[in-house]
N, C-alpha and C. Protein backbone atom coordinates (compact mmCIF):
# COMPACT_ATOMS: atom_id res chain seq x y z
N MET A 1 -13.66 -40.94 31.32
CA MET A 1 -14.31 -40.46 29.72
C MET A 1 -15.44 -39.66 30.39
N HIS A 2 -15.45 -38.44 29.52
CA HIS A 2 -16.19 -37.28 29.99
C HIS A 2 -17.66 -37.94 28.89
N LYS A 3 -18.77 -37.21 29.59
CA LYS A 3 -19.83 -38.08 28.63
C LYS A 3 -20.26 -36.62 27.43
N LEU A 4 -20.56 -37.36 26.57
CA LEU A 4 -20.61 -36.49 25.43
C LEU A 4 -21.46 -34.33 26.02
N SER A 5 -22.59 -34.78 26.38
CA SER A 5 -22.93 -34.04 27.42
C SER A 5 -21.91 -32.63 28.03
N GLU A 6 -21.41 -33.19 28.64
CA GLU A 6 -20.25 -32.54 29.76
C GLU A 6 -19.04 -31.75 28.93
N LEU A 7 -18.83 -32.21 27.42
CA LEU A 7 -17.97 -31.59 26.69
C LEU A 7 -18.57 -30.11 25.51
N LYS A 8 -19.81 -29.94 25.79
CA LYS A 8 -20.29 -28.68 24.94
C LYS A 8 -19.72 -27.49 25.69
N GLY A 9 -19.52 -26.44 24.85
CA GLY A 9 -18.96 -25.61 25.20
C GLY A 9 -17.34 -25.20 26.14
N VAL A 10 -16.74 -26.47 25.74
CA VAL A 10 -15.17 -27.21 26.51
C VAL A 10 -14.26 -26.86 25.16
N ASN A 11 -13.40 -25.88 25.60
CA ASN A 11 -12.47 -25.81 24.49
C ASN A 11 -12.75 -25.19 22.94
N GLU A 12 -13.41 -24.45 22.87
CA GLU A 12 -14.44 -24.25 21.48
C GLU A 12 -13.39 -23.52 20.69
N ARG A 13 -13.46 -24.03 19.48
CA ARG A 13 -12.43 -23.06 18.40
C ARG A 13 -13.43 -22.62 17.39
N CYS A 14 -12.74 -21.86 16.74
CA CYS A 14 -13.76 -21.29 15.22
C CYS A 14 -13.21 -22.25 13.90
N THR A 15 -13.94 -22.46 13.44
CA THR A 15 -14.18 -23.26 11.96
C THR A 15 -14.74 -22.82 10.70
N GLY A 16 -13.79 -22.73 9.64
CA GLY A 16 -14.96 -22.04 8.40
C GLY A 16 -13.78 -21.58 7.83
N SER A 17 -14.77 -20.28 7.03
CA SER A 17 -13.67 -19.58 5.70
C SER A 17 -14.29 -18.00 5.93
N VAL A 18 -13.35 -17.48 5.58
CA VAL A 18 -13.94 -15.85 4.92
C VAL A 18 -13.22 -15.65 3.33
N LEU A 19 -14.21 -15.14 2.93
CA LEU A 19 -13.84 -15.07 1.20
C LEU A 19 -13.80 -13.53 1.50
N PHE A 20 -12.67 -12.98 0.85
CA PHE A 20 -12.09 -11.69 0.22
C PHE A 20 -12.59 -11.46 -1.15
N SER A 21 -13.03 -10.19 -1.52
CA SER A 21 -13.11 -9.89 -2.83
C SER A 21 -13.07 -8.44 -2.87
N PHE A 22 -12.41 -8.28 -3.75
CA PHE A 22 -11.75 -6.87 -4.60
C PHE A 22 -12.09 -6.45 -5.64
N ASP A 23 -11.82 -4.95 -6.18
CA ASP A 23 -12.13 -5.03 -7.62
C ASP A 23 -10.86 -4.14 -7.87
N LEU A 24 -10.61 -4.52 -9.17
CA LEU A 24 -9.20 -3.83 -9.83
C LEU A 24 -9.90 -2.87 -11.41
N LYS A 25 -9.41 -1.95 -11.50
CA LYS A 25 -9.86 -1.05 -12.54
C LYS A 25 -8.33 -1.52 -13.63
N ILE A 26 -9.47 -2.03 -14.48
CA ILE A 26 -8.11 -2.16 -15.74
C ILE A 26 -8.41 -0.85 -16.63
N ASP A 27 -7.72 -0.21 -17.54
CA ASP A 27 -7.51 0.69 -18.18
C ASP A 27 -6.59 0.73 -19.29
N GLY A 28 -6.88 0.89 -20.59
CA GLY A 28 -6.21 1.25 -21.59
C GLY A 28 -5.43 -0.03 -22.05
N VAL A 29 -5.89 -1.08 -21.57
CA VAL A 29 -4.81 -2.59 -22.06
C VAL A 29 -5.36 -3.13 -23.32
N PRO A 30 -4.91 -3.29 -24.18
CA PRO A 30 -5.52 -3.58 -25.84
C PRO A 30 -6.06 -4.67 -25.30
N ALA A 31 -7.05 -4.53 -26.21
CA ALA A 31 -8.29 -6.31 -26.15
C ALA A 31 -7.50 -7.35 -26.15
N GLU A 32 -6.26 -7.41 -27.40
CA GLU A 32 -6.04 -8.67 -27.33
C GLU A 32 -5.15 -9.47 -26.33
N ASP A 33 -4.46 -8.28 -25.75
CA ASP A 33 -4.03 -8.84 -24.55
C ASP A 33 -4.84 -9.11 -23.08
N GLU A 34 -6.13 -9.39 -23.51
CA GLU A 34 -6.74 -9.70 -22.32
C GLU A 34 -7.00 -11.61 -21.83
N GLU A 35 -6.35 -12.29 -21.91
CA GLU A 35 -6.30 -13.61 -21.90
C GLU A 35 -4.89 -13.26 -21.17
N ARG A 36 -3.95 -12.98 -21.66
CA ARG A 36 -2.46 -12.59 -20.73
C ARG A 36 -2.74 -11.23 -19.90
N LEU A 37 -3.26 -11.33 -19.42
CA LEU A 37 -3.74 -9.76 -18.44
C LEU A 37 -4.38 -11.02 -16.97
N TYR A 38 -5.22 -11.32 -17.94
CA TYR A 38 -5.99 -12.41 -16.57
C TYR A 38 -5.21 -13.77 -16.00
N ALA A 39 -4.16 -14.06 -17.00
CA ALA A 39 -3.39 -15.25 -16.48
C ALA A 39 -2.11 -14.56 -15.50
N ASP A 40 -1.81 -13.14 -15.85
CA ASP A 40 -0.74 -12.07 -15.13
C ASP A 40 -1.05 -11.98 -13.63
N LEU A 41 -2.41 -11.49 -13.86
CA LEU A 41 -3.10 -11.30 -12.67
C LEU A 41 -3.40 -12.36 -11.71
N GLN A 42 -3.67 -13.45 -11.86
CA GLN A 42 -3.91 -14.73 -11.40
C GLN A 42 -2.12 -15.16 -10.68
N LYS A 43 -1.29 -15.07 -11.41
CA LYS A 43 0.05 -15.64 -11.29
C LYS A 43 0.21 -14.44 -10.02
N LEU A 44 0.06 -13.06 -10.05
CA LEU A 44 0.62 -12.29 -9.41
C LEU A 44 -0.11 -12.53 -7.87
N VAL A 45 -1.41 -12.42 -7.78
CA VAL A 45 -2.31 -12.65 -6.81
C VAL A 45 -1.58 -13.92 -6.16
N GLY A 46 -1.65 -15.07 -6.92
CA GLY A 46 -1.11 -16.30 -6.13
C GLY A 46 -0.05 -16.30 -5.34
N GLN A 47 1.02 -15.44 -6.09
CA GLN A 47 2.47 -15.02 -5.59
C GLN A 47 2.41 -14.62 -4.13
N GLN A 48 1.59 -13.42 -4.08
CA GLN A 48 1.22 -12.42 -3.18
C GLN A 48 0.73 -13.37 -1.68
N LEU A 49 -0.25 -14.26 -2.22
CA LEU A 49 -0.99 -14.99 -1.16
C LEU A 49 0.08 -15.86 -0.69
N ALA A 50 1.01 -16.41 -1.31
CA ALA A 50 1.77 -17.49 -0.45
C ALA A 50 2.64 -17.07 -0.02
N ALA A 51 3.21 -15.70 -0.50
CA ALA A 51 4.14 -14.86 0.48
C ALA A 51 3.14 -14.48 2.01
N LEU A 52 2.07 -14.38 2.00
CA LEU A 52 1.44 -13.97 3.28
C LEU A 52 1.39 -14.93 4.27
N GLU A 53 1.45 -16.04 3.52
CA GLU A 53 0.46 -17.00 4.24
C GLU A 53 1.76 -17.29 5.86
N PRO A 54 2.90 -17.01 5.72
CA PRO A 54 3.69 -17.10 7.47
C PRO A 54 3.66 -16.31 7.55
N LEU A 55 3.20 -15.41 7.42
CA LEU A 55 2.16 -13.92 8.52
C LEU A 55 0.96 -14.23 9.06
N LEU A 56 0.24 -15.34 8.49
CA LEU A 56 -1.21 -15.63 9.04
C LEU A 56 -0.88 -15.65 10.42
N PRO A 57 -2.22 -15.04 11.43
CA PRO A 57 -2.36 -15.66 12.77
C PRO A 57 -2.09 -17.34 13.21
N HIS A 58 -1.64 -17.62 14.25
CA HIS A 58 -1.53 -18.98 14.65
C HIS A 58 -2.81 -19.77 14.09
N GLY A 59 -3.08 -20.79 13.73
CA GLY A 59 -4.07 -21.78 13.47
C GLY A 59 -5.23 -21.11 12.22
N VAL A 60 -4.33 -20.19 11.46
CA VAL A 60 -5.18 -19.95 10.03
C VAL A 60 -3.98 -20.18 8.62
N SER A 61 -4.75 -20.69 8.11
CA SER A 61 -3.75 -21.18 6.66
C SER A 61 -4.92 -20.75 6.04
N LEU A 62 -4.42 -20.64 4.33
CA LEU A 62 -4.72 -20.48 3.01
C LEU A 62 -5.11 -22.11 2.77
N ALA A 63 -6.45 -21.59 2.05
CA ALA A 63 -7.28 -22.96 1.66
C ALA A 63 -6.55 -23.47 0.62
N GLU A 64 -6.71 -24.78 0.08
CA GLU A 64 -6.11 -25.36 -0.91
C GLU A 64 -7.25 -25.17 -2.05
N SER A 65 -7.31 -23.95 -2.75
CA SER A 65 -8.05 -23.91 -4.08
C SER A 65 -7.65 -22.93 -5.19
N GLU A 66 -8.59 -23.64 -6.23
CA GLU A 66 -7.75 -22.29 -7.13
C GLU A 66 -8.20 -21.10 -7.26
N LEU A 67 -7.20 -20.49 -7.66
CA LEU A 67 -7.61 -18.84 -7.67
C LEU A 67 -8.78 -18.57 -9.15
N GLN A 68 -9.47 -17.99 -8.62
CA GLN A 68 -10.68 -18.04 -9.65
C GLN A 68 -11.17 -16.67 -9.87
N MET A 69 -11.07 -16.47 -11.44
CA MET A 69 -11.53 -14.76 -11.77
C MET A 69 -13.05 -14.81 -11.89
N GLU A 70 -13.81 -14.33 -10.85
CA GLU A 70 -15.44 -14.49 -11.20
C GLU A 70 -15.92 -13.38 -11.47
N ASP A 71 -16.71 -13.06 -11.63
CA ASP A 71 -17.43 -11.67 -12.07
C ASP A 71 -17.13 -10.56 -13.38
N ILE A 72 -16.09 -11.35 -13.97
CA ILE A 72 -15.27 -10.56 -15.22
C ILE A 72 -15.97 -9.35 -15.63
N ASP A 73 -16.18 -8.57 -15.81
CA ASP A 73 -16.87 -7.36 -16.54
C ASP A 73 -16.33 -6.49 -17.32
N VAL A 74 -16.02 -6.87 -18.35
CA VAL A 74 -14.98 -6.25 -19.22
C VAL A 74 -15.69 -5.67 -20.65
N THR A 75 -15.14 -4.29 -20.87
CA THR A 75 -15.73 -3.75 -22.08
C THR A 75 -14.60 -3.61 -22.61
N VAL A 76 -14.52 -3.68 -24.36
CA VAL A 76 -13.87 -3.69 -25.04
C VAL A 76 -14.79 -2.10 -26.10
N GLU A 77 -13.86 -1.27 -25.92
CA GLU A 77 -14.09 0.04 -26.60
C GLU A 77 -12.94 0.38 -27.38
N ASP A 78 -13.43 1.13 -28.68
CA ASP A 78 -12.05 1.18 -30.05
C ASP A 78 -12.62 3.12 -29.75
N ASP A 79 -11.48 3.20 -30.61
CA ASP A 79 -11.64 4.80 -31.04
C ASP A 79 -12.99 5.41 -31.24
N TYR A 80 -13.83 4.78 -32.34
CA TYR A 80 -15.15 5.29 -32.23
C TYR A 80 -15.66 5.74 -30.54
N ASP A 81 -15.48 4.71 -29.97
CA ASP A 81 -16.29 4.82 -28.99
C ASP A 81 -15.83 5.80 -27.59
N ARG A 82 -14.51 5.99 -27.78
CA ARG A 82 -13.84 6.92 -26.80
C ARG A 82 -13.94 8.27 -27.43
N LEU A 83 -13.79 8.49 -28.75
CA LEU A 83 -14.32 9.88 -29.46
C LEU A 83 -15.92 10.14 -29.00
N GLY A 84 -16.86 9.07 -29.56
CA GLY A 84 -18.15 9.57 -29.31
C GLY A 84 -18.20 10.15 -27.97
N SER A 85 -17.82 9.40 -26.76
CA SER A 85 -18.18 9.60 -25.31
C SER A 85 -17.76 11.13 -25.30
N ILE A 86 -16.72 11.51 -25.89
CA ILE A 86 -15.86 12.67 -25.80
C ILE A 86 -16.96 14.06 -26.48
N ASN A 87 -17.48 13.76 -28.01
CA ASN A 87 -18.02 14.73 -28.64
C ASN A 87 -18.76 13.68 -29.53
N CYS A 88 -20.38 13.77 -28.83
CA CYS A 88 -21.00 12.90 -29.27
C CYS A 88 -21.92 13.29 -31.04
N ASN A 89 -21.25 14.67 -31.53
CA ASN A 89 -21.20 15.32 -32.53
C ASN A 89 -20.27 14.74 -33.91
N LEU A 90 -19.46 14.37 -33.51
CA LEU A 90 -18.62 13.54 -34.51
C LEU A 90 -19.18 12.32 -35.51
């Protein structure tokens, strides 16, 4: 049996996680469809990640975690806002 001190640096392995982040541009989606849009995006990204898992390098797997949509910054604008940004004299 090896002493614990003799095992330092032997058969080193990486452990941990990597967080990926990306931005989506949302344009022209009716405000009342906001909740459905988020649900559709979560479903789509989840499906694509599940399809990707067999292609990951040996020893890498997706963590069991819920897909979270954080840092959502959506502005609702109406025709008044859009026209005002084109011609502020209206």
